[in-house]
C-alpha cells in the first residue's frame, strides 16, 4: 500500500511506528483501512493522526463545508480553505503528509438508511477495518454502533474495530478525556441517547458491558455563555451569537484542546487495535 514512495522515504517518515509497535504492528498499520465519519473538530484531528501514522487507506465522510467559525477547532480550517468541502480539504492536506495513502471522499451525511453502503467497506481487501464515529447526530451514531454490534470477527486477519466519540462541546478540560465502554460513560447526553437507543431498538445488553468503545469526558457540560454582538457585527456574527440546545460544538461552544484530544484518543485507540495481531472489538 506504499507503492510510489521509496522504502527509504517510508522509513524516514514512519519509522517511529516500528520502534513503538514493532515491525509487525507497523506493517498492520500500513495495510489498514480506517473510515472516519465526521471531519470536523474531532474527526479532522483523528484523520491527521492516522495519515501521519502511514495508514494505507482513509475514507472520509462529511457533507459540510469549511466556514470561518471552524477556525477555533478544526485542523483543516484555514483562510484558503473557506468554502471547500471538509473531506476535500482534508484529502489535500493528507497528500502533503503521505501521498501513498489512498483517500476516498464521501460528501454525504451518514444516516440509518445509507450505512454501511455509504462507506464502500471492503473488509477482505485490508488486514483490518476500523471506523471512527466522530459525528454529532444521534441517529447516525446509532446506525453505526448497531452495525458494529452485528459484526463478528471474520478471521484472524480480518477484523472490525469501532469507536464512537461523545460530545466535545461544553467541555474545557482536555486532560479529563478517557475511553470506556458505552455502558460506563457519564456526563455525556449524546452518548446517553446512543446507549438508550441501542438498548431499546437494537437488542444491546442492558447489564454489563455493551461492546461499544467510546471517547468521552466526565467533566460536567457547561451551558453556553450568552454573548452580545457589537453594533457593527456581521450577519454571520449575529447568527453565531444565537444559542441553541443542540449537542454539537456550535450549540455549546468549544475549544481545540478538547476536540483535538478526543480525536487523538480515537485515533490512538484504533492504531493500538490495528497493531495488535490478536486485538478484538
C-alpha atoms as a PDB file:
ATOM      1  CA  UNK A   1       0.000   0.000   0.000  1.00  0.00           C
ATOM      2  CA  UNK A   2       3.027   2.282  -0.059  1.00  0.00           C
ATOM      3  CA  UNK A   3       3.875   1.921  -3.741  1.00  0.00           C
ATOM      4  CA  UNK A   4       5.212   5.076  -5.332  1.00  0.00           C
ATOM      5  CA  UNK A   5       7.312   6.091  -2.325  1.00  0.00           C
ATOM      6  CA  UNK A   6      10.839   4.679  -1.956  1.00  0.00           C
ATOM      7  CA  UNK A   7      11.205   2.393   1.063  1.00  0.00           C
ATOM      8  CA  UNK A   8      13.887   4.684   2.473  1.00  0.00           C
ATOM      9  CA  UNK A   9      11.423   7.571   2.467  1.00  0.00           C
ATOM     10  CA  UNK A  10       8.768   5.401   4.105  1.00  0.00           C
ATOM     11  CA  UNK A  11      11.193   4.597   6.907  1.00  0.00           C
ATOM     12  CA  UNK A  12      12.160   8.239   7.358  1.00  0.00           C
ATOM     13  CA  UNK A  13       8.533   9.326   7.571  1.00  0.00           C
ATOM     14  CA  UNK A  14       7.016   6.479   9.541  1.00  0.00           C
ATOM     15  CA  UNK A  15       9.919   4.580  11.100  1.00  0.00           C
ATOM     16  CA  UNK A  16       8.910   5.741  14.569  1.00  0.00           C
ATOM     17  CA  UNK A  17       5.887   3.451  14.369  1.00  0.00           C
ATOM     18  CA  UNK A  18       8.086   0.351  14.029  1.00  0.00           C
ATOM     19  CA  UNK A  19      10.080   1.318  17.097  1.00  0.00           C
ATOM     20  CA  UNK A  20       6.879   1.729  19.070  1.00  0.00           C
ATOM     21  CA  UNK A  21       4.586  -1.030  17.750  1.00  0.00           C
ATOM     22  CA  UNK A  22       7.249  -3.374  16.350  1.00  0.00           C
ATOM     23  CA  UNK A  23       7.706  -4.320  12.706  1.00  0.00           C
ATOM     24  CA  UNK A  24       4.592  -6.477  12.597  1.00  0.00           C
ATOM     25  CA  UNK A  25       2.452  -3.806  14.251  1.00  0.00           C
ATOM     26  CA  UNK A  26       3.705  -1.092  11.912  1.00  0.00           C
ATOM     27  CA  UNK A  27       3.061  -3.357   8.929  1.00  0.00           C
ATOM     28  CA  UNK A  28      -0.512  -3.865  10.130  1.00  0.00           C
ATOM     29  CA  UNK A  29      -0.991  -0.102  10.368  1.00  0.00           C
ATOM     30  CA  UNK A  30       0.453   0.458   6.887  1.00  0.00           C
ATOM     31  CA  UNK A  31      -2.029  -2.007   5.387  1.00  0.00           C
ATOM     32  CA  UNK A  32      -5.140  -0.846   7.249  1.00  0.00           C
ATOM     33  CA  UNK A  33      -8.316   0.910   6.161  1.00  0.00           C
ATOM     34  CA  UNK A  34      -9.918   3.426   8.520  1.00  0.00           C
ATOM     35  CA  UNK A  35     -13.261   5.127   7.964  1.00  0.00           C
ATOM     36  CA  UNK A  36     -13.684   8.494   9.709  1.00  0.00           C
ATOM     37  CA  UNK A  37     -17.245   9.781   9.872  1.00  0.00           C
ATOM     38  CA  UNK A  38     -17.426  13.496  10.607  1.00  0.00           C
ATOM     39  CA  UNK A  39     -14.413  15.571   9.535  1.00  0.00           C
ATOM     40  CA  UNK A  40     -14.842  18.429  11.975  1.00  0.00           C
ATOM     41  CA  UNK A  41     -13.368  19.442  15.310  1.00  0.00           C
ATOM     42  CA  UNK A  42     -12.785  15.810  16.300  1.00  0.00           C
ATOM     43  CA  UNK A  43     -12.602  13.881  13.039  1.00  0.00           C
ATOM     44  CA  UNK A  44     -10.142  16.189  11.279  1.00  0.00           C
ATOM     45  CA  UNK A  45      -7.591  15.607  14.041  1.00  0.00           C
ATOM     46  CA  UNK A  46      -8.210  11.865  14.009  1.00  0.00           C
ATOM     47  CA  UNK A  47      -7.679  11.755  10.244  1.00  0.00           C
ATOM     48  CA  UNK A  48      -4.486  13.786  10.593  1.00  0.00           C
ATOM     49  CA  UNK A  49      -3.107  11.377  13.199  1.00  0.00           C
ATOM     50  CA  UNK A  50      -3.910   8.352  11.044  1.00  0.00           C
ATOM     51  CA  UNK A  51      -2.307   9.891   7.957  1.00  0.00           C
ATOM     52  CA  UNK A  52       0.842  10.686   9.956  1.00  0.00           C
ATOM     53  CA  UNK A  53       0.924   7.040  11.060  1.00  0.00           C
ATOM     54  CA  UNK A  54       1.069   5.731   7.481  1.00  0.00           C
ATOM     55  CA  UNK A  55      -2.315   4.015   7.153  1.00  0.00           C
ATOM     56  CA  UNK A  56      -2.977   2.639   3.689  1.00  0.00           C
ATOM     57  CA  UNK A  57      -6.490   3.931   3.118  1.00  0.00           C
ATOM     58  CA  UNK A  58      -8.740   6.560   4.662  1.00  0.00           C
ATOM     59  CA  UNK A  59     -12.418   7.005   3.856  1.00  0.00           C
ATOM     60  CA  UNK A  60     -13.606  10.460   4.936  1.00  0.00           C
ATOM     61  CA  UNK A  61     -17.349  11.065   5.221  1.00  0.00           C
ATOM     62  CA  UNK A  62     -18.909  14.507   5.752  1.00  0.00           C
ATOM     63  CA  UNK A  63     -21.224  16.807   3.770  1.00  0.00           C
ATOM     64  CA  UNK A  64     -20.201  20.071   5.434  1.00  0.00           C
ATOM     65  CA  UNK A  65     -18.005  22.814   4.034  1.00  0.00           C
ATOM     66  CA  UNK A  66     -15.368  24.776   5.939  1.00  0.00           C
ATOM     67  CA  UNK A  67     -16.535  28.038   7.459  1.00  0.00           C
ATOM     68  CA  UNK A  68     -14.714  30.789   9.310  1.00  0.00           C
ATOM     69  CA  UNK A  69     -16.344  29.649  12.567  1.00  0.00           C
ATOM     70  CA  UNK A  70     -14.429  26.349  12.248  1.00  0.00           C
ATOM     71  CA  UNK A  71     -11.067  28.066  12.735  1.00  0.00           C
ATOM     72  CA  UNK A  72     -11.069  27.627  16.505  1.00  0.00           C
ATOM     73  CA  UNK A  73     -11.050  23.819  16.455  1.00  0.00           C
ATOM     74  CA  UNK A  74     -10.632  22.159  13.020  1.00  0.00           C
ATOM     75  CA  UNK A  75      -7.167  21.414  11.684  1.00  0.00           C
ATOM     76  CA  UNK A  76      -8.035  21.920   8.012  1.00  0.00           C
ATOM     77  CA  UNK A  77      -9.804  25.257   8.567  1.00  0.00           C
ATOM     78  CA  UNK A  78      -7.527  27.938   7.094  1.00  0.00           C
ATOM     79  CA  UNK A  79      -8.000  31.194   5.217  1.00  0.00           C
ATOM     80  CA  UNK A  80      -7.538  29.434   1.908  1.00  0.00           C
ATOM     81  CA  UNK A  81      -9.916  26.543   2.611  1.00  0.00           C
ATOM     82  CA  UNK A  82     -13.064  28.549   3.448  1.00  0.00           C
ATOM     83  CA  UNK A  83     -15.986  27.201   1.426  1.00  0.00           C
ATOM     84  CA  UNK A  84     -14.185  23.997   0.496  1.00  0.00           C
ATOM     85  CA  UNK A  85     -15.734  20.620   1.280  1.00  0.00           C
ATOM     86  CA  UNK A  86     -14.222  19.371   4.532  1.00  0.00           C
ATOM     87  CA  UNK A  87     -13.380  15.970   3.096  1.00  0.00           C
ATOM     88  CA  UNK A  88     -11.636  17.514   0.089  1.00  0.00           C
ATOM     89  CA  UNK A  89      -9.618  19.936   2.229  1.00  0.00           C
ATOM     90  CA  UNK A  90      -8.546  17.023   4.404  1.00  0.00           C
ATOM     91  CA  UNK A  91      -7.565  14.940   1.391  1.00  0.00           C
ATOM     92  CA  UNK A  92      -5.362  17.729   0.059  1.00  0.00           C
ATOM     93  CA  UNK A  93      -3.711  18.080   3.460  1.00  0.00           C
ATOM     94  CA  UNK A  94      -3.090  14.327   3.696  1.00  0.00           C
ATOM     95  CA  UNK A  95      -1.474  14.458   0.266  1.00  0.00           C
ATOM     96  CA  UNK A  96       1.329  16.547   1.772  1.00  0.00           C
ATOM     97  CA  UNK A  97       1.786  14.073   4.635  1.00  0.00           C
ATOM     98  CA  UNK A  98       1.516  10.651   2.998  1.00  0.00           C
ATOM     99  CA  UNK A  99       0.823  10.696  -0.726  1.00  0.00           C
ATOM    100  CA  UNK A 100       0.769   6.888  -0.760  1.00  0.00           C
ATOM    101  CA  UNK A 101      -2.377   6.948   1.384  1.00  0.00           C
ATOM    102  CA  UNK A 102      -5.493   6.259  -0.673  1.00  0.00           C
ATOM    103  CA  UNK A 103      -8.096   8.813   0.405  1.00  0.00           C
ATOM    104  CA  UNK A 104     -11.734   8.313  -0.550  1.00  0.00           C
ATOM    105  CA  UNK A 105     -14.009  11.308  -0.021  1.00  0.00           C
ATOM    106  CA  UNK A 106     -17.738  10.888   0.506  1.00  0.00           C
ATOM    107  CA  UNK A 107     -19.675  14.149   0.562  1.00  0.00           C
ATOM    108  CA  UNK A 108     -22.733  12.855   2.365  1.00  0.00           C
ATOM    109  CA  UNK A 109     -24.111  12.583   5.883  1.00  0.00           C
ATOM    110  CA  UNK A 110     -24.474   9.116   7.397  1.00  0.00           C
ATOM    111  CA  UNK A 111     -27.977   8.079   8.413  1.00  0.00           C
ATOM    112  CA  UNK A 112     -29.842   4.886   9.226  1.00  0.00           C
ATOM    113  CA  UNK A 113     -30.725   4.297   5.576  1.00  0.00           C
ATOM    114  CA  UNK A 114     -27.283   4.521   3.960  1.00  0.00           C
ATOM    115  CA  UNK A 115     -24.897   2.903   6.441  1.00  0.00           C
ATOM    116  CA  UNK A 116     -22.665   0.954   5.779  1.00  0.00           C
ATOM    117  CA  UNK A 117     -23.109   1.183   1.983  1.00  0.00           C
ATOM    118  CA  UNK A 118     -22.026   4.840   2.023  1.00  0.00           C
ATOM    119  CA  UNK A 119     -18.552   3.817   3.239  1.00  0.00           C
ATOM    120  CA  UNK A 120     -17.975   1.287   0.431  1.00  0.00           C
ATOM    121  CA  UNK A 121     -16.474  -1.047   3.008  1.00  0.00           C
ATOM    122  CA  UNK A 122     -14.265  -3.837   1.671  1.00  0.00           C
ATOM    123  CA  UNK A 123     -13.235  -5.895   4.687  1.00  0.00           C
ATOM    124  CA  UNK A 124     -11.427  -8.530   2.658  1.00  0.00           C
ATOM    125  CA  UNK A 125      -9.121  -6.048   0.895  1.00  0.00           C
ATOM    126  CA  UNK A 126      -7.272  -4.905   4.026  1.00  0.00           C
ATOM    127  CA  UNK A 127      -5.725  -6.606   7.032  1.00  0.00           C
ATOM    128  CA  UNK A 128      -8.181  -4.741   9.246  1.00  0.00           C
ATOM    129  CA  UNK A 129     -11.043  -2.272   9.035  1.00  0.00           C
ATOM    130  CA  UNK A 130     -11.679   0.418  11.620  1.00  0.00           C
ATOM    131  CA  UNK A 131     -14.434   3.007  11.945  1.00  0.00           C
ATOM    132  CA  UNK A 132     -14.230   6.220  13.964  1.00  0.00           C
ATOM    133  CA  UNK A 133     -17.639   7.779  14.589  1.00  0.00           C
ATOM    134  CA  UNK A 134     -16.827  11.472  15.076  1.00  0.00           C
ATOM    135  CA  UNK A 135     -20.239  12.853  14.162  1.00  0.00           C
ATOM    136  CA  UNK A 136     -22.710  14.596  16.465  1.00  0.00           C
ATOM    137  CA  UNK A 137     -26.013  13.237  15.133  1.00  0.00           C
ATOM    138  CA  UNK A 138     -27.521  10.570  17.353  1.00  0.00           C
ATOM    139  CA  UNK A 139     -29.377   8.780  14.533  1.00  0.00           C
ATOM    140  CA  UNK A 140     -26.153   8.365  12.588  1.00  0.00           C
ATOM    141  CA  UNK A 141     -24.260   7.262  15.681  1.00  0.00           C
ATOM    142  CA  UNK A 142     -26.941   4.697  16.440  1.00  0.00           C
ATOM    143  CA  UNK A 143     -26.856   3.273  12.905  1.00  0.00           C
ATOM    144  CA  UNK A 144     -23.078   2.837  13.027  1.00  0.00           C
ATOM    145  CA  UNK A 145     -22.953   1.435  16.549  1.00  0.00           C
ATOM    146  CA  UNK A 146     -25.791  -1.014  15.832  1.00  0.00           C
ATOM    147  CA  UNK A 147     -23.908  -2.178  12.745  1.00  0.00           C
ATOM    148  CA  UNK A 148     -20.727  -2.627  14.790  1.00  0.00           C
ATOM    149  CA  UNK A 149     -22.589  -4.795  17.290  1.00  0.00           C
ATOM    150  CA  UNK A 150     -23.676  -7.078  14.453  1.00  0.00           C
ATOM    151  CA  UNK A 151     -20.123  -7.595  13.291  1.00  0.00           C
ATOM    152  CA  UNK A 152     -18.222 -10.647  14.384  1.00  0.00           C
ATOM    153  CA  UNK A 153     -14.560 -11.419  13.953  1.00  0.00           C
ATOM    154  CA  UNK A 154     -14.286 -12.767  10.402  1.00  0.00           C
ATOM    155  CA  UNK A 155     -10.869 -14.401  10.661  1.00  0.00           C
ATOM    156  CA  UNK A 156      -7.674 -13.654  12.496  1.00  0.00           C
ATOM    157  CA  UNK A 157      -6.578 -11.492   9.559  1.00  0.00           C
ATOM    158  CA  UNK A 158      -9.842  -9.615   9.034  1.00  0.00           C
ATOM    159  CA  UNK A 159     -11.390  -7.733  11.929  1.00  0.00           C
ATOM    160  CA  UNK A 160     -13.540  -4.661  12.516  1.00  0.00           C
ATOM    161  CA  UNK A 161     -12.762  -2.058  15.177  1.00  0.00           C
ATOM    162  CA  UNK A 162     -15.341   0.600  16.039  1.00  0.00           C
ATOM    163  CA  UNK A 163     -15.171   3.576  18.391  1.00  0.00           C
ATOM    164  CA  UNK A 164     -17.750   6.295  18.959  1.00  0.00           C
ATOM    165  CA  UNK A 165     -16.799   9.784  20.146  1.00  0.00           C
ATOM    166  CA  UNK A 166     -19.034  11.647  22.560  1.00  0.00           C
ATOM    167  CA  UNK A 167     -19.872  15.342  22.619  1.00  0.00           C
ATOM    168  CA  UNK A 168     -16.860  17.653  22.909  1.00  0.00           C
ATOM    169  CA  UNK A 169     -18.965  20.797  23.111  1.00  0.00           C
ATOM    170  CA  UNK A 170     -19.275  22.437  26.513  1.00  0.00           C
ATOM    171  CA  UNK A 171     -16.036  20.889  27.797  1.00  0.00           C
ATOM    172  CA  UNK A 172     -12.883  22.778  28.816  1.00  0.00           C
ATOM    173  CA  UNK A 173     -10.537  20.206  30.354  1.00  0.00           C
ATOM    174  CA  UNK A 174      -8.762  18.064  27.764  1.00  0.00           C
ATOM    175  CA  UNK A 175      -6.934  16.049  30.432  1.00  0.00           C
ATOM    176  CA  UNK A 176     -10.233  14.539  31.570  1.00  0.00           C
ATOM    177  CA  UNK A 177     -10.837  12.662  28.312  1.00  0.00           C
ATOM    178  CA  UNK A 178     -10.966   8.879  28.596  1.00  0.00           C
ATOM    179  CA  UNK A 179     -12.059   5.765  26.722  1.00  0.00           C
ATOM    180  CA  UNK A 180     -14.562   3.351  28.205  1.00  0.00           C
ATOM    181  CA  UNK A 181     -17.380   1.017  27.241  1.00  0.00           C
ATOM    182  CA  UNK A 182     -20.628   2.805  26.422  1.00  0.00           C
ATOM    183  CA  UNK A 183     -22.297   1.232  29.440  1.00  0.00           C
ATOM    184  CA  UNK A 184     -19.897   3.101  31.744  1.00  0.00           C
ATOM    185  CA  UNK A 185     -19.899   6.576  30.179  1.00  0.00           C
ATOM    186  CA  UNK A 186     -21.277   9.541  32.135  1.00  0.00           C
ATOM    187  CA  UNK A 187     -21.719  13.309  31.733  1.00  0.00           C
ATOM    188  CA  UNK A 188     -22.451  12.963  28.028  1.00  0.00           C
ATOM    189  CA  UNK A 189     -26.050  13.420  26.842  1.00  0.00           C
ATOM    190  CA  UNK A 190     -25.171  12.360  23.296  1.00  0.00           C
ATOM    191  CA  UNK A 191     -23.770   9.012  24.424  1.00  0.00           C
ATOM    192  CA  UNK A 192     -26.658   8.606  26.866  1.00  0.00           C
ATOM    193  CA  UNK A 193     -29.048   8.850  23.925  1.00  0.00           C
ATOM    194  CA  UNK A 194     -26.939   6.371  21.964  1.00  0.00           C
ATOM    195  CA  UNK A 195     -26.997   3.904  24.857  1.00  0.00           C
ATOM    196  CA  UNK A 196     -30.780   4.267  25.246  1.00  0.00           C
ATOM    197  CA  UNK A 197     -31.477   3.723  21.545  1.00  0.00           C
ATOM    198  CA  UNK A 198     -29.175   0.718  21.233  1.00  0.00           C
ATOM    199  CA  UNK A 199     -30.863  -0.961  24.196  1.00  0.00           C
ATOM    200  CA  UNK A 200     -34.405  -0.093  23.142  1.00  0.00           C
ATOM    201  CA  UNK A 201     -34.205  -0.753  19.410  1.00  0.00           C
ATOM    202  CA  UNK A 202     -31.158  -2.921  18.727  1.00  0.00           C
ATOM    203  CA  UNK A 203     -31.013  -5.516  21.482  1.00  0.00           C
ATOM    204  CA  UNK A 204     -27.899  -4.151  23.165  1.00  0.00           C
ATOM    205  CA  UNK A 205     -27.057  -5.557  26.575  1.00  0.00           C
ATOM    206  CA  UNK A 206     -28.868  -3.920  29.494  1.00  0.00           C
ATOM    207  CA  UNK A 207     -26.420  -5.325  32.021  1.00  0.00           C
ATOM    208  CA  UNK A 208     -22.657  -5.399  31.875  1.00  0.00           C
ATOM    209  CA  UNK A 209     -20.602  -4.023  29.022  1.00  0.00           C
ATOM    210  CA  UNK A 210     -22.158  -3.222  25.645  1.00  0.00           C
ATOM    211  CA  UNK A 211     -19.061  -3.808  23.452  1.00  0.00           C
ATOM    212  CA  UNK A 212     -19.087  -0.248  22.097  1.00  0.00           C
ATOM    213  CA  UNK A 213     -15.967   1.737  22.983  1.00  0.00           C
ATOM    214  CA  UNK A 214     -16.355   5.496  23.426  1.00  0.00           C
ATOM    215  CA  UNK A 215     -14.245   8.608  23.896  1.00  0.00           C
ATOM    216  CA  UNK A 216     -15.825  10.946  26.445  1.00  0.00           C
ATOM    217  CA  UNK A 217     -15.172  13.144  29.456  1.00  0.00           C
ATOM    218  CA  UNK A 218     -16.715  13.068  32.916  1.00  0.00           C
ATOM    219  CA  UNK A 219     -16.442  16.845  33.070  1.00  0.00           C
ATOM    220  CA  UNK A 220     -19.863  18.420  33.504  1.00  0.00           C
ATOM    221  CA  UNK A 221     -21.207  20.065  30.352  1.00  0.00           C
ATOM    222  CA  UNK A 222     -21.025  23.845  30.617  1.00  0.00           C
ATOM    223  CA  UNK A 223     -24.073  25.706  29.377  1.00  0.00           C
ATOM    224  CA  UNK A 224     -23.400  28.302  26.667  1.00  0.00           C
ATOM    225  CA  UNK A 225     -22.416  31.733  27.906  1.00  0.00           C
ATOM    226  CA  UNK A 226     -24.559  34.314  26.162  1.00  0.00           C
ATOM    227  CA  UNK A 227     -22.540  36.919  24.267  1.00  0.00           C
ATOM    228  CA  UNK A 228     -23.787  40.201  22.882  1.00  0.00           C
ATOM    229  CA  UNK A 229     -22.645  41.159  19.377  1.00  0.00           C
ATOM    230  CA  UNK A 230     -21.213  44.607  18.755  1.00  0.00           C
ATOM    231  CA  UNK A 231     -23.179  47.239  16.867  1.00  0.00           C
ATOM    232  CA  UNK A 232     -21.212  46.649  13.671  1.00  0.00           C
ATOM    233  CA  UNK A 233     -21.352  42.833  13.817  1.00  0.00           C
ATOM    234  CA  UNK A 234     -21.882  40.981  10.557  1.00  0.00           C
ATOM    235  CA  UNK A 235     -24.913  38.780   9.955  1.00  0.00           C
ATOM    236  CA  UNK A 236     -22.752  35.664  10.455  1.00  0.00           C
ATOM    237  CA  UNK A 237     -21.608  37.004  13.818  1.00  0.00           C
ATOM    238  CA  UNK A 238     -25.192  37.714  14.796  1.00  0.00           C
ATOM    239  CA  UNK A 239     -26.139  34.173  13.816  1.00  0.00           C
ATOM    240  CA  UNK A 240     -23.262  32.742  15.841  1.00  0.00           C
ATOM    241  CA  UNK A 241     -24.404  34.661  18.904  1.00  0.00           C
ATOM    242  CA  UNK A 242     -27.798  32.948  18.887  1.00  0.00           C
ATOM    243  CA  UNK A 243     -27.581  29.971  21.215  1.00  0.00           C
ATOM    244  CA  UNK A 244     -29.292  26.653  20.558  1.00  0.00           C
ATOM    245  CA  UNK A 245     -29.797  23.497  22.574  1.00  0.00           C
ATOM    246  CA  UNK A 246     -28.037  21.061  20.252  1.00  0.00           C
ATOM    247  CA  UNK A 247     -25.341  18.690  21.448  1.00  0.00           C
ATOM    248  CA  UNK A 248     -22.721  19.841  18.951  1.00  0.00           C
ATOM    249  CA  UNK A 249     -19.859  22.275  19.357  1.00  0.00           C
ATOM    250  CA  UNK A 250     -21.726  25.143  17.723  1.00  0.00           C
ATOM    251  CA  UNK A 251     -24.502  24.938  20.300  1.00  0.00           C
ATOM    252  CA  UNK A 252     -22.336  24.614  23.383  1.00  0.00           C
ATOM    253  CA  UNK A 253     -19.109  26.357  22.468  1.00  0.00           C
ATOM    254  CA  UNK A 254     -15.829  24.546  22.084  1.00  0.00           C
ATOM    255  CA  UNK A 255     -12.065  24.638  22.426  1.00  0.00           C
ATOM    256  CA  UNK A 256      -9.499  22.927  20.241  1.00  0.00           C
ATOM    257  CA  UNK A 257      -7.628  21.388  23.156  1.00  0.00           C
ATOM    258  CA  UNK A 258     -10.681  19.229  23.896  1.00  0.00           C
ATOM    259  CA  UNK A 259     -11.859  18.450  20.357  1.00  0.00           C
ATOM    260  CA  UNK A 260      -8.336  17.576  19.211  1.00  0.00           C
ATOM    261  CA  UNK A 261      -7.767  15.394  22.283  1.00  0.00           C
ATOM    262  CA  UNK A 262     -10.984  13.486  21.618  1.00  0.00           C
ATOM    263  CA  UNK A 263      -9.865  12.914  18.019  1.00  0.00           C
ATOM    264  CA  UNK A 264      -6.373  11.843  19.048  1.00  0.00           C
ATOM    265  CA  UNK A 265      -7.784   9.450  21.653  1.00  0.00           C
ATOM    266  CA  UNK A 266      -9.946   7.799  18.998  1.00  0.00           C
ATOM    267  CA  UNK A 267      -7.055   7.551  16.529  1.00  0.00           C
ATOM    268  CA  UNK A 268      -4.715   6.181  19.192  1.00  0.00           C
ATOM    269  CA  UNK A 269      -7.237   3.522  20.194  1.00  0.00           C
ATOM    270  CA  UNK A 270      -7.600   2.474  16.553  1.00  0.00           C
ATOM    271  CA  UNK A 271      -3.841   2.334  15.985  1.00  0.00           C
ATOM    272  CA  UNK A 272      -3.428   0.168  19.071  1.00  0.00           C
ATOM    273  CA  UNK A 273      -6.133  -2.223  17.874  1.00  0.00           C
ATOM    274  CA  UNK A 274      -4.729  -2.408  14.360  1.00  0.00           C
ATOM    275  CA  UNK A 275      -1.175  -3.002  15.509  1.00  0.00           C
ATOM    276  CA  UNK A 276      -2.109  -5.885  17.809  1.00  0.00           C
ATOM    277  CA  UNK A 277      -2.420  -9.117  15.858  1.00  0.00           C
ATOM    278  CA  UNK A 278      -4.794 -10.557  18.471  1.00  0.00           C
ATOM    279  CA  UNK A 279      -6.901  -7.431  19.028  1.00  0.00           C
ATOM    280  CA  UNK A 280     -10.631  -7.904  19.317  1.00  0.00           C
ATOM    281  CA  UNK A 281     -13.500  -5.459  19.487  1.00  0.00           C
END
